[in-house]
Each structure stands twice: as structure tokens, then as C-alpha cells.
N, C-alpha and C. Protein backbone atom coordinates (compact mmCIF):
# COMPACT_ATOMS: atom_id res chain seq x y z
N MET A 1 92.06 78.20 69.09
CA MET A 1 91.34 78.85 67.96
C MET A 1 89.85 78.89 68.36
N ASN A 2 89.25 80.04 68.13
CA ASN A 2 87.89 80.25 68.60
C ASN A 2 87.00 80.61 67.41
N TYR A 3 85.98 79.78 67.17
CA TYR A 3 85.06 80.05 66.05
C TYR A 3 83.76 80.58 66.65
N ASP A 4 83.29 81.73 66.19
CA ASP A 4 82.08 82.32 66.77
C ASP A 4 80.83 82.13 65.92
N LEU A 5 81.01 81.90 64.63
CA LEU A 5 79.86 81.93 63.71
C LEU A 5 79.27 80.51 63.59
N PHE A 6 77.94 80.46 63.56
CA PHE A 6 77.25 79.18 63.46
C PHE A 6 77.46 78.54 62.07
N ASN A 7 77.75 79.39 61.07
CA ASN A 7 77.88 78.83 59.73
C ASN A 7 79.37 78.59 59.39
N GLN A 8 80.25 78.67 60.35
CA GLN A 8 81.67 78.44 60.11
C GLN A 8 81.94 76.96 59.88
N ASN A 9 82.68 76.66 58.82
CA ASN A 9 83.06 75.26 58.58
C ASN A 9 84.26 74.88 59.42
N ILE A 10 84.13 73.82 60.19
CA ILE A 10 85.23 73.29 60.99
C ILE A 10 85.52 71.87 60.52
N ASP A 11 86.78 71.54 60.41
CA ASP A 11 87.20 70.24 59.90
C ASP A 11 86.99 69.17 60.98
N GLY A 12 85.88 68.42 60.86
CA GLY A 12 85.60 67.38 61.86
C GLY A 12 86.47 66.17 61.78
N SER A 13 87.35 66.10 60.72
CA SER A 13 88.23 64.95 60.60
C SER A 13 89.62 65.23 61.14
N ARG A 14 89.84 66.47 61.67
CA ARG A 14 91.15 66.84 62.20
C ARG A 14 91.31 66.26 63.61
N ASN A 15 92.39 65.54 63.85
CA ASN A 15 92.71 65.07 65.19
C ASN A 15 93.42 66.14 65.93
N TRP A 16 92.84 66.64 67.04
CA TRP A 16 93.42 67.72 67.82
C TRP A 16 94.59 67.27 68.67
N LEU A 17 94.72 65.96 68.89
CA LEU A 17 95.84 65.48 69.68
C LEU A 17 97.01 65.07 68.81
N PRO A 18 98.24 65.46 69.23
CA PRO A 18 99.43 65.18 68.41
C PRO A 18 99.87 63.72 68.48
N LYS A 19 99.43 62.96 69.48
CA LYS A 19 99.82 61.55 69.64
C LYS A 19 98.94 60.90 70.69
N ASP A 20 98.95 59.57 70.70
CA ASP A 20 98.38 58.77 71.77
C ASP A 20 96.89 58.96 72.00
N GLY A 21 96.12 59.27 70.97
CA GLY A 21 94.70 59.45 71.17
C GLY A 21 94.07 60.16 69.99
N ILE A 22 92.72 60.22 70.02
CA ILE A 22 91.99 60.85 68.91
C ILE A 22 90.92 61.77 69.55
N VAL A 23 90.92 63.03 69.16
CA VAL A 23 89.88 63.98 69.53
C VAL A 23 89.44 64.72 68.28
N TYR A 24 88.13 64.60 67.95
CA TYR A 24 87.58 65.32 66.83
C TYR A 24 86.63 66.39 67.37
N TYR A 25 86.75 67.61 66.79
CA TYR A 25 85.78 68.68 67.13
C TYR A 25 85.01 69.04 65.90
N TYR A 26 83.69 68.85 65.94
CA TYR A 26 82.83 69.05 64.77
C TYR A 26 82.25 70.45 64.70
N GLY A 27 82.46 71.26 65.76
CA GLY A 27 81.82 72.54 65.77
C GLY A 27 80.32 72.42 65.94
N HIS A 28 79.59 73.43 65.45
CA HIS A 28 78.14 73.41 65.56
C HIS A 28 77.53 72.27 64.72
N ILE A 29 76.73 71.43 65.33
CA ILE A 29 75.95 70.45 64.51
C ILE A 29 74.45 70.79 64.59
N PHE A 30 74.11 71.89 65.22
CA PHE A 30 72.72 72.38 65.29
C PHE A 30 72.67 73.82 64.86
N THR A 31 71.52 74.24 64.36
CA THR A 31 71.30 75.69 64.15
C THR A 31 71.19 76.38 65.53
N LYS A 32 71.29 77.63 65.56
CA LYS A 32 71.16 78.37 66.83
C LYS A 32 69.80 78.11 67.46
N GLU A 33 68.76 78.09 66.63
CA GLU A 33 67.39 77.84 67.11
C GLU A 33 67.26 76.45 67.73
N GLU A 34 67.85 75.45 67.08
CA GLU A 34 67.84 74.09 67.62
C GLU A 34 68.61 74.02 68.94
N ALA A 35 69.79 74.66 68.93
CA ALA A 35 70.65 74.64 70.14
C ALA A 35 69.94 75.32 71.29
N ASP A 36 69.25 76.44 71.04
CA ASP A 36 68.51 77.13 72.07
C ASP A 36 67.38 76.28 72.63
N PHE A 37 66.69 75.57 71.70
CA PHE A 37 65.58 74.69 72.12
C PHE A 37 66.09 73.59 73.05
N PHE A 38 67.16 72.89 72.66
CA PHE A 38 67.63 71.77 73.47
C PHE A 38 68.22 72.27 74.78
N TYR A 39 68.88 73.39 74.77
CA TYR A 39 69.42 73.96 76.00
C TYR A 39 68.33 74.19 77.01
N LYS A 40 67.26 74.84 76.60
CA LYS A 40 66.14 75.14 77.53
C LYS A 40 65.44 73.86 78.01
N LYS A 41 65.22 72.97 77.01
CA LYS A 41 64.50 71.72 77.34
C LYS A 41 65.28 70.86 78.37
N LEU A 42 66.57 70.72 78.11
CA LEU A 42 67.40 69.94 79.05
C LEU A 42 67.51 70.61 80.42
N PHE A 43 67.67 71.90 80.39
CA PHE A 43 67.80 72.67 81.65
C PHE A 43 66.54 72.48 82.50
N ASP A 44 65.37 72.48 81.83
CA ASP A 44 64.08 72.45 82.56
C ASP A 44 63.59 71.04 82.88
N THR A 45 63.96 70.01 82.13
CA THR A 45 63.30 68.72 82.29
C THR A 45 64.18 67.58 82.77
N ILE A 46 65.50 67.72 82.68
CA ILE A 46 66.39 66.68 83.18
C ILE A 46 66.29 66.61 84.70
N GLN A 47 66.37 65.44 85.25
CA GLN A 47 66.31 65.25 86.75
C GLN A 47 67.69 65.49 87.34
N TRP A 48 68.01 66.79 87.37
CA TRP A 48 69.35 67.19 87.91
C TRP A 48 69.48 66.94 89.40
N LYS A 49 70.68 66.51 89.82
CA LYS A 49 70.96 66.40 91.23
C LYS A 49 72.42 66.87 91.46
N ASN A 50 72.65 67.41 92.66
CA ASN A 50 74.05 67.78 93.01
C ASN A 50 74.89 66.52 93.01
N ASP A 51 76.08 66.63 92.42
CA ASP A 51 76.95 65.47 92.35
C ASP A 51 77.57 65.19 93.72
N GLU A 52 77.84 63.88 93.99
CA GLU A 52 78.48 63.49 95.23
C GLU A 52 79.77 62.72 94.91
N ALA A 53 80.79 62.99 95.70
CA ALA A 53 82.05 62.22 95.54
C ALA A 53 82.60 61.93 96.94
N ILE A 54 83.29 60.82 97.04
CA ILE A 54 83.99 60.48 98.29
C ILE A 54 85.47 60.78 98.06
N VAL A 55 85.96 61.78 98.78
CA VAL A 55 87.36 62.21 98.63
C VAL A 55 88.04 62.08 100.00
N PHE A 56 89.09 61.22 100.09
CA PHE A 56 89.78 60.95 101.35
C PHE A 56 88.80 60.61 102.44
N GLY A 57 87.79 59.78 102.10
CA GLY A 57 86.84 59.32 103.08
C GLY A 57 85.74 60.28 103.43
N LYS A 58 85.75 61.49 102.86
CA LYS A 58 84.72 62.48 103.16
C LYS A 58 83.78 62.68 101.98
N LYS A 59 82.49 62.79 102.23
CA LYS A 59 81.53 63.01 101.16
C LYS A 59 81.56 64.51 100.77
N ILE A 60 81.74 64.76 99.50
CA ILE A 60 81.75 66.12 98.96
C ILE A 60 80.51 66.29 98.06
N ILE A 61 79.77 67.37 98.27
CA ILE A 61 78.59 67.67 97.45
C ILE A 61 78.97 68.86 96.59
N THR A 62 78.84 68.68 95.27
CA THR A 62 79.25 69.76 94.32
C THR A 62 78.08 70.71 94.07
N LYS A 63 78.41 71.93 93.68
CA LYS A 63 77.40 72.86 93.17
C LYS A 63 76.93 72.36 91.79
N ARG A 64 77.87 71.93 91.02
CA ARG A 64 77.57 71.35 89.70
C ARG A 64 76.57 70.25 89.88
N LYS A 65 75.59 70.17 88.96
CA LYS A 65 74.58 69.12 88.98
C LYS A 65 74.77 68.12 87.87
N VAL A 66 74.32 66.88 88.14
CA VAL A 66 74.55 65.80 87.15
C VAL A 66 73.26 65.01 86.98
N ALA A 67 73.21 64.21 85.92
CA ALA A 67 72.18 63.24 85.69
C ALA A 67 72.73 62.12 84.85
N TRP A 68 72.16 60.93 84.97
CA TRP A 68 72.68 59.74 84.32
C TRP A 68 71.51 59.01 83.67
N TYR A 69 71.54 58.86 82.36
CA TYR A 69 70.47 58.23 81.60
C TYR A 69 70.99 57.10 80.71
N GLY A 70 70.15 56.12 80.37
CA GLY A 70 70.61 55.07 79.50
C GLY A 70 69.49 54.17 79.01
N GLU A 71 69.84 53.22 78.16
CA GLU A 71 68.82 52.34 77.60
C GLU A 71 68.41 51.25 78.59
N LYS A 72 69.23 51.04 79.64
CA LYS A 72 68.91 50.16 80.75
C LYS A 72 69.35 50.85 82.04
N PRO A 73 68.90 50.39 83.22
CA PRO A 73 69.29 51.04 84.46
C PRO A 73 70.73 50.69 84.83
N PHE A 74 71.68 51.01 83.91
CA PHE A 74 73.07 50.70 84.14
C PHE A 74 73.58 51.28 85.44
N GLU A 75 74.52 50.57 86.08
CA GLU A 75 75.26 51.16 87.17
C GLU A 75 76.49 51.84 86.62
N TYR A 76 76.83 52.97 87.18
CA TYR A 76 78.05 53.70 86.77
C TYR A 76 78.73 54.23 88.02
N THR A 77 79.94 53.80 88.21
CA THR A 77 80.68 54.20 89.41
C THR A 77 81.89 55.09 89.11
N TYR A 78 81.90 56.26 89.72
CA TYR A 78 83.08 57.10 89.63
C TYR A 78 83.14 57.93 90.92
N SER A 79 84.35 58.38 91.27
CA SER A 79 84.56 59.13 92.53
C SER A 79 83.96 58.39 93.73
N ASN A 80 84.05 57.06 93.69
CA ASN A 80 83.56 56.21 94.77
C ASN A 80 82.09 56.30 95.06
N THR A 81 81.31 56.74 94.05
CA THR A 81 79.84 56.73 94.21
C THR A 81 79.25 56.02 92.96
N THR A 82 78.08 55.41 93.15
CA THR A 82 77.46 54.62 92.08
C THR A 82 76.11 55.23 91.73
N LYS A 83 75.85 55.38 90.45
CA LYS A 83 74.56 55.92 89.96
C LYS A 83 73.86 54.82 89.15
N HIS A 84 72.52 54.92 89.08
CA HIS A 84 71.72 54.03 88.24
C HIS A 84 71.06 54.89 87.17
N ALA A 85 71.15 54.40 85.94
CA ALA A 85 70.67 55.23 84.81
C ALA A 85 69.14 55.29 84.81
N LEU A 86 68.63 56.49 84.54
CA LEU A 86 67.23 56.75 84.32
C LEU A 86 66.88 56.40 82.85
N PRO A 87 65.63 56.13 82.53
CA PRO A 87 65.29 55.83 81.11
C PRO A 87 65.41 57.09 80.23
N TRP A 88 65.79 56.86 78.98
CA TRP A 88 65.96 57.96 78.03
C TRP A 88 64.70 58.85 78.00
N THR A 89 64.94 60.15 77.86
CA THR A 89 63.85 61.08 77.52
C THR A 89 63.76 61.19 75.99
N LYS A 90 62.68 61.75 75.53
CA LYS A 90 62.48 61.92 74.06
C LYS A 90 63.61 62.75 73.47
N GLU A 91 63.98 63.84 74.15
CA GLU A 91 65.01 64.75 73.63
C GLU A 91 66.40 64.04 73.62
N LEU A 92 66.69 63.27 74.67
CA LEU A 92 67.95 62.58 74.69
C LEU A 92 68.09 61.57 73.57
N LEU A 93 67.00 60.86 73.22
CA LEU A 93 67.02 59.94 72.11
C LEU A 93 67.26 60.63 70.79
N ILE A 94 66.64 61.83 70.62
CA ILE A 94 66.86 62.62 69.42
C ILE A 94 68.38 63.00 69.31
N LEU A 95 68.91 63.47 70.40
CA LEU A 95 70.30 63.89 70.40
C LEU A 95 71.24 62.69 70.20
N LYS A 96 70.94 61.56 70.80
CA LYS A 96 71.74 60.33 70.61
C LYS A 96 71.76 59.94 69.15
N LYS A 97 70.62 59.92 68.52
CA LYS A 97 70.52 59.55 67.11
C LYS A 97 71.31 60.53 66.23
N LYS A 98 71.26 61.78 66.56
CA LYS A 98 71.97 62.81 65.81
C LYS A 98 73.47 62.58 65.85
N ILE A 99 74.02 62.39 67.09
CA ILE A 99 75.47 62.26 67.14
C ILE A 99 75.96 60.89 66.67
N GLU A 100 75.08 59.87 66.75
CA GLU A 100 75.46 58.56 66.15
C GLU A 100 75.60 58.69 64.65
N LYS A 101 74.71 59.50 64.06
CA LYS A 101 74.80 59.73 62.60
C LYS A 101 76.03 60.53 62.24
N GLU A 102 76.34 61.53 63.07
CA GLU A 102 77.51 62.40 62.81
C GLU A 102 78.80 61.65 62.94
N THR A 103 78.88 60.75 63.95
CA THR A 103 80.17 60.13 64.29
C THR A 103 80.36 58.69 63.81
N GLY A 104 79.27 58.03 63.40
CA GLY A 104 79.35 56.65 63.02
C GLY A 104 79.57 55.70 64.17
N GLU A 105 79.36 56.22 65.40
CA GLU A 105 79.49 55.40 66.62
C GLU A 105 78.12 55.10 67.20
N THR A 106 78.07 54.21 68.19
CA THR A 106 76.82 53.96 68.87
C THR A 106 77.05 54.16 70.38
N TYR A 107 76.03 54.59 71.07
CA TYR A 107 76.12 54.91 72.52
C TYR A 107 74.89 54.32 73.21
N ASN A 108 75.05 53.90 74.47
CA ASN A 108 73.90 53.33 75.20
C ASN A 108 73.58 54.08 76.48
N SER A 109 74.32 55.17 76.74
CA SER A 109 74.06 55.91 77.98
C SER A 109 74.59 57.34 77.84
N CYS A 110 74.24 58.18 78.82
CA CYS A 110 74.66 59.58 78.72
C CYS A 110 74.75 60.16 80.15
N LEU A 111 75.91 60.73 80.45
CA LEU A 111 76.12 61.46 81.66
C LEU A 111 76.04 62.98 81.38
N LEU A 112 75.12 63.64 82.06
CA LEU A 112 74.91 65.05 81.86
C LEU A 112 75.45 65.88 83.02
N ASN A 113 76.02 67.06 82.69
CA ASN A 113 76.52 68.00 83.73
C ASN A 113 75.89 69.35 83.50
N LEU A 114 75.49 69.97 84.57
CA LEU A 114 74.97 71.35 84.52
C LEU A 114 75.89 72.25 85.32
N TYR A 115 76.58 73.14 84.64
CA TYR A 115 77.44 74.13 85.29
C TYR A 115 76.69 75.47 85.31
N HIS A 116 76.43 75.96 86.49
CA HIS A 116 75.58 77.16 86.63
C HIS A 116 76.26 78.45 86.12
N ASP A 117 77.60 78.48 86.25
CA ASP A 117 78.36 79.62 85.71
C ASP A 117 79.82 79.15 85.57
N GLY A 118 80.69 80.10 85.16
CA GLY A 118 82.07 79.74 84.84
C GLY A 118 82.85 79.30 86.07
N GLU A 119 82.42 79.66 87.28
CA GLU A 119 83.21 79.26 88.44
C GLU A 119 83.04 77.78 88.79
N GLU A 120 82.09 77.09 88.15
CA GLU A 120 81.97 75.68 88.30
C GLU A 120 82.69 75.01 87.14
N GLY A 121 83.62 74.14 87.45
CA GLY A 121 84.38 73.49 86.40
C GLY A 121 84.60 72.03 86.71
N MET A 122 85.63 71.44 86.13
CA MET A 122 85.98 70.05 86.37
C MET A 122 87.52 69.93 86.40
N ALA A 123 88.02 69.24 87.45
CA ALA A 123 89.49 69.13 87.58
C ALA A 123 90.02 68.10 86.58
N TRP A 124 91.34 68.07 86.43
CA TRP A 124 91.99 67.09 85.52
C TRP A 124 91.55 65.66 85.87
N HIS A 125 91.12 64.95 84.86
CA HIS A 125 90.72 63.54 85.05
C HIS A 125 90.70 62.84 83.69
N SER A 126 90.57 61.56 83.67
CA SER A 126 90.28 60.82 82.45
C SER A 126 89.13 59.89 82.71
N ASP A 127 88.36 59.62 81.66
CA ASP A 127 87.17 58.78 81.79
C ASP A 127 87.52 57.33 81.56
N GLY A 128 88.22 56.74 82.52
CA GLY A 128 88.72 55.36 82.38
C GLY A 128 88.05 54.39 83.29
N GLU A 129 86.80 54.66 83.68
CA GLU A 129 86.10 53.77 84.63
C GLU A 129 85.94 52.41 84.01
N LYS A 130 85.95 51.40 84.85
CA LYS A 130 85.87 50.00 84.40
C LYS A 130 84.56 49.69 83.69
N ASP A 131 83.51 50.47 84.00
CA ASP A 131 82.21 50.22 83.37
C ASP A 131 82.19 50.61 81.90
N LEU A 132 83.10 51.48 81.47
CA LEU A 132 83.10 52.00 80.12
C LEU A 132 83.78 51.04 79.16
N LYS A 133 83.30 51.03 77.89
CA LYS A 133 83.95 50.26 76.83
C LYS A 133 85.39 50.82 76.68
N LYS A 134 86.39 49.95 76.72
CA LYS A 134 87.77 50.40 76.62
C LYS A 134 88.03 50.97 75.24
N ASP A 135 88.61 52.17 75.23
CA ASP A 135 88.93 52.88 73.99
C ASP A 135 87.70 53.24 73.18
N GLY A 136 86.53 53.14 73.82
CA GLY A 136 85.29 53.44 73.13
C GLY A 136 85.10 54.97 72.93
N ALA A 137 84.30 55.36 72.01
CA ALA A 137 84.05 56.78 71.72
C ALA A 137 83.19 57.40 72.84
N ILE A 138 83.52 58.64 73.18
CA ILE A 138 82.68 59.47 74.09
C ILE A 138 82.31 60.70 73.28
N GLY A 139 81.02 60.90 73.05
CA GLY A 139 80.53 62.04 72.32
C GLY A 139 80.02 63.13 73.26
N SER A 140 80.65 64.28 73.21
CA SER A 140 80.37 65.37 74.14
C SER A 140 79.61 66.55 73.45
N LEU A 141 78.35 66.72 73.82
CA LEU A 141 77.56 67.85 73.28
C LEU A 141 77.56 68.98 74.29
N SER A 142 77.66 70.23 73.79
CA SER A 142 77.65 71.41 74.65
C SER A 142 76.49 72.35 74.25
N PHE A 143 75.76 72.81 75.26
CA PHE A 143 74.74 73.80 75.05
C PHE A 143 74.90 74.92 76.09
N GLY A 144 74.62 76.16 75.71
CA GLY A 144 74.79 77.26 76.65
C GLY A 144 76.11 77.98 76.49
N ALA A 145 76.67 78.38 77.64
CA ALA A 145 77.89 79.20 77.62
C ALA A 145 79.04 78.49 76.95
N GLU A 146 79.78 79.24 76.11
CA GLU A 146 80.98 78.67 75.50
C GLU A 146 82.05 78.60 76.57
N ARG A 147 82.73 77.43 76.65
CA ARG A 147 83.74 77.22 77.70
C ARG A 147 85.03 76.67 77.07
N LYS A 148 86.15 77.02 77.66
CA LYS A 148 87.43 76.43 77.26
C LYS A 148 87.48 74.98 77.80
N PHE A 149 88.09 74.09 77.01
CA PHE A 149 88.26 72.68 77.37
C PHE A 149 89.71 72.33 77.10
N ALA A 150 90.36 71.63 78.02
CA ALA A 150 91.79 71.42 77.91
C ALA A 150 92.16 69.96 78.05
N PHE A 151 93.20 69.57 77.35
CA PHE A 151 93.78 68.23 77.45
C PHE A 151 95.22 68.36 77.91
N LYS A 152 95.70 67.40 78.71
CA LYS A 152 97.11 67.34 79.14
C LYS A 152 97.62 65.90 79.05
N HIS A 153 98.72 65.71 78.34
CA HIS A 153 99.30 64.38 78.25
C HIS A 153 99.83 63.94 79.60
N LYS A 154 99.57 62.68 80.00
CA LYS A 154 99.95 62.21 81.31
C LYS A 154 101.44 62.13 81.51
N ASP A 155 102.21 61.89 80.45
CA ASP A 155 103.66 61.78 80.57
C ASP A 155 104.37 63.08 80.16
N SER A 156 104.13 63.55 78.98
CA SER A 156 104.85 64.74 78.45
C SER A 156 104.35 66.05 79.01
N LYS A 157 103.13 66.05 79.60
CA LYS A 157 102.45 67.25 80.14
C LYS A 157 102.10 68.27 79.05
N GLU A 158 102.20 67.85 77.81
CA GLU A 158 101.81 68.72 76.68
C GLU A 158 100.34 69.07 76.81
N LYS A 159 99.97 70.32 76.50
CA LYS A 159 98.58 70.75 76.65
C LYS A 159 97.97 71.17 75.33
N ILE A 160 96.70 70.86 75.17
CA ILE A 160 95.90 71.26 74.01
C ILE A 160 94.64 71.91 74.56
N GLU A 161 94.28 73.07 74.02
CA GLU A 161 93.08 73.79 74.46
C GLU A 161 92.17 74.15 73.28
N LEU A 162 90.88 74.01 73.46
CA LEU A 162 89.91 74.51 72.48
C LEU A 162 88.67 75.00 73.16
N PHE A 163 87.83 75.70 72.42
CA PHE A 163 86.59 76.23 72.95
C PHE A 163 85.41 75.42 72.43
N LEU A 164 84.55 75.06 73.39
CA LEU A 164 83.32 74.29 73.04
C LEU A 164 82.14 75.21 73.01
N GLU A 165 81.56 75.32 71.82
CA GLU A 165 80.51 76.32 71.59
C GLU A 165 79.09 75.76 71.83
N HIS A 166 78.18 76.63 71.88
CA HIS A 166 76.73 76.32 72.01
C HIS A 166 76.27 75.51 70.83
N GLY A 167 75.81 74.27 71.08
CA GLY A 167 75.36 73.43 69.96
C GLY A 167 76.46 72.66 69.27
N SER A 168 77.60 72.47 69.94
CA SER A 168 78.74 71.82 69.30
C SER A 168 78.95 70.41 69.81
N LEU A 169 79.76 69.64 69.03
CA LEU A 169 80.06 68.25 69.30
C LEU A 169 81.58 68.02 69.33
N LEU A 170 82.07 67.36 70.36
CA LEU A 170 83.46 66.94 70.46
C LEU A 170 83.45 65.41 70.71
N VAL A 171 84.33 64.71 70.09
CA VAL A 171 84.42 63.24 70.30
C VAL A 171 85.84 62.85 70.70
N MET A 172 85.91 62.06 71.79
CA MET A 172 87.18 61.49 72.28
C MET A 172 87.12 60.02 72.03
N LYS A 173 88.18 59.41 71.45
CA LYS A 173 88.15 57.97 71.18
C LYS A 173 89.55 57.42 71.15
N GLY A 174 89.66 56.11 70.85
CA GLY A 174 90.95 55.48 70.83
C GLY A 174 91.59 55.46 72.22
N THR A 175 92.90 55.71 72.29
CA THR A 175 93.60 55.64 73.57
C THR A 175 93.64 56.99 74.32
N THR A 176 92.75 57.92 73.97
CA THR A 176 92.74 59.21 74.60
C THR A 176 92.68 59.11 76.14
N GLN A 177 91.77 58.29 76.66
CA GLN A 177 91.63 58.23 78.09
C GLN A 177 92.80 57.57 78.80
N THR A 178 93.56 56.73 78.05
CA THR A 178 94.73 56.08 78.64
C THR A 178 95.87 57.06 78.79
N TYR A 179 96.07 57.95 77.83
CA TYR A 179 97.26 58.80 77.81
C TYR A 179 97.02 60.28 78.14
N TRP A 180 95.80 60.71 78.11
CA TRP A 180 95.48 62.12 78.29
C TRP A 180 94.50 62.36 79.44
N LEU A 181 94.69 63.44 80.15
CA LEU A 181 93.72 63.97 81.10
C LEU A 181 92.95 65.10 80.42
N HIS A 182 91.78 65.41 80.88
CA HIS A 182 91.04 66.57 80.35
C HIS A 182 90.37 67.30 81.50
N ARG A 183 90.05 68.57 81.29
CA ARG A 183 89.37 69.34 82.34
C ARG A 183 88.59 70.50 81.74
N LEU A 184 87.70 71.05 82.53
CA LEU A 184 86.96 72.24 82.21
C LEU A 184 87.42 73.32 83.20
N PRO A 185 88.35 74.22 82.75
CA PRO A 185 88.91 75.17 83.72
C PRO A 185 87.83 76.17 84.22
N PRO A 186 87.82 76.49 85.53
CA PRO A 186 86.89 77.51 86.02
C PRO A 186 87.33 78.90 85.54
N THR A 187 86.36 79.80 85.44
CA THR A 187 86.64 81.18 85.10
C THR A 187 85.59 82.07 85.70
N LYS A 188 85.98 83.23 86.16
CA LYS A 188 85.02 84.19 86.74
C LYS A 188 84.38 85.06 85.67
N LYS A 189 84.83 84.96 84.44
CA LYS A 189 84.31 85.83 83.36
C LYS A 189 82.92 85.38 82.87
N ILE A 190 82.61 84.08 83.04
CA ILE A 190 81.37 83.57 82.48
C ILE A 190 80.29 83.46 83.53
N LYS A 191 79.16 84.11 83.26
CA LYS A 191 78.06 84.14 84.27
C LYS A 191 76.91 83.25 83.89
N ASN A 192 76.93 82.67 82.71
CA ASN A 192 75.79 81.90 82.20
C ASN A 192 76.01 80.42 82.36
N PRO A 193 74.93 79.63 82.43
CA PRO A 193 75.04 78.18 82.57
C PRO A 193 75.51 77.48 81.32
N ARG A 194 76.05 76.29 81.50
CA ARG A 194 76.35 75.37 80.39
C ARG A 194 75.85 74.00 80.72
N VAL A 195 75.17 73.40 79.74
CA VAL A 195 74.74 71.97 79.82
C VAL A 195 75.63 71.12 78.94
N ASN A 196 76.24 70.11 79.49
CA ASN A 196 77.14 69.20 78.74
C ASN A 196 76.58 67.79 78.80
N LEU A 197 76.58 67.13 77.67
CA LEU A 197 76.12 65.75 77.64
C LEU A 197 77.27 64.89 77.08
N THR A 198 77.65 63.85 77.81
CA THR A 198 78.67 62.94 77.30
C THR A 198 78.05 61.57 77.07
N PHE A 199 77.86 61.25 75.79
CA PHE A 199 77.26 59.98 75.41
C PHE A 199 78.38 58.92 75.45
N ARG A 200 78.08 57.76 76.07
CA ARG A 200 79.08 56.76 76.34
C ARG A 200 78.54 55.38 76.03
N THR A 201 79.43 54.37 76.14
CA THR A 201 79.00 52.97 75.99
C THR A 201 79.44 52.22 77.28
N ILE A 202 78.43 51.73 77.98
CA ILE A 202 78.65 50.93 79.17
C ILE A 202 78.72 49.47 78.76
N VAL A 203 79.70 48.74 79.28
CA VAL A 203 79.81 47.32 79.00
C VAL A 203 79.45 46.54 80.28
N GLU A 204 78.50 45.68 80.17
CA GLU A 204 78.05 44.89 81.32
C GLU A 204 78.83 43.60 81.38
N GLU A 205 79.24 43.22 82.56
CA GLU A 205 80.04 41.99 82.74
C GLU A 205 79.17 40.75 82.48
């Protein structure tokens, strides 16, 4: 289902997953003017770097760019690489406060992704890294190009798809990461960039 209008009411209490997890989609939580402002500000001021991953012993550099911010210089390890969080920017703190109010959750860090166009995506994965709070909420903000987002159950292979709009919020919580994979499918139709922020909770040993 695809909602195009910024004033469209979307049921943020609806669980999009039929079982084994919780996914809420709140739709737009910003006006178009606010969403445009944050999109440009994040695009221009975040310390973006090409992502690195170690796959079968080889270092892969992605076109997609990433950044990692938090309230402390947390370590975060995925794809066999470790990042250290940069201190919050003013805009990231505003966004964190906004989604904490919307979701009733708290977050202490944020992983950002910059997709330059639709041909840059993300393969099937789950956010089950040991650094993350188990079954904790992950709040995903989207700015820029509207993109399809998909879930696939690890056992039944059942799929759920929705569209993430400019200025929208999606939340994954509960056992979602245990039982479901998610991905951002690539597409040649989209030529514009998308900035995605996933607010998370890191647990220190």
C-alpha cells in the first residue's frame, strides 16, 4: 500500500508483521518543509564515509555511504568491521527527541545510510549484532527518495513489503530481528538519493 499525501492518516499502531515480531509504520511525522530541511542538512553535514565489509576474507567498499553517531564513542561491529560513534550533532539530537516522543522508546546511537540512487540497496539481513539491546526498538527515519522496504520470515519465507516515504518513521521491535530478515531492494527507476537513520540502543558489557 502506497500513501503519497503528507496529510494522510496512517495507523501507527498497526503491526505489519503477521507473527514473530512487531513493525509499526507511522507514515510522515514531519511536514514536507521539515523533511526537506533535515534531508538537506543531513546530506550536507554528516561525516559520510563509504562503508566497508569483509566478505570471504576480502575487503569490499560500497558506493553507499554510512555514518555512526551516539551519546558515547560506542563501538559497533557488523560485517566484520568495527566503527566508533561520533558525538551527536544538533540535528540528530532533535530527530532523536522527536522519535522518542513518537514511539515511547529511548535510543543512544544512530547508524545513518546514504543511498545515492535506487541502484544502491541493502541485501537481506537482520540487525542482530551482539552490541545491540536484544529485542530493543530500532527507529528508522527516511528522508529523500521513497523506497520499497521488504521483510522475509526466516522459516516460512513469507514476505511483507511497504514503501518508506520522505519524512516517515518505521519502528522494528520485539523478536523481529530473531525471526525476520529485511532489505532495501535496488531499482533502476529511482534516480534521487535517500538518507536513512536507524536509531538504536547499544548495550555495553
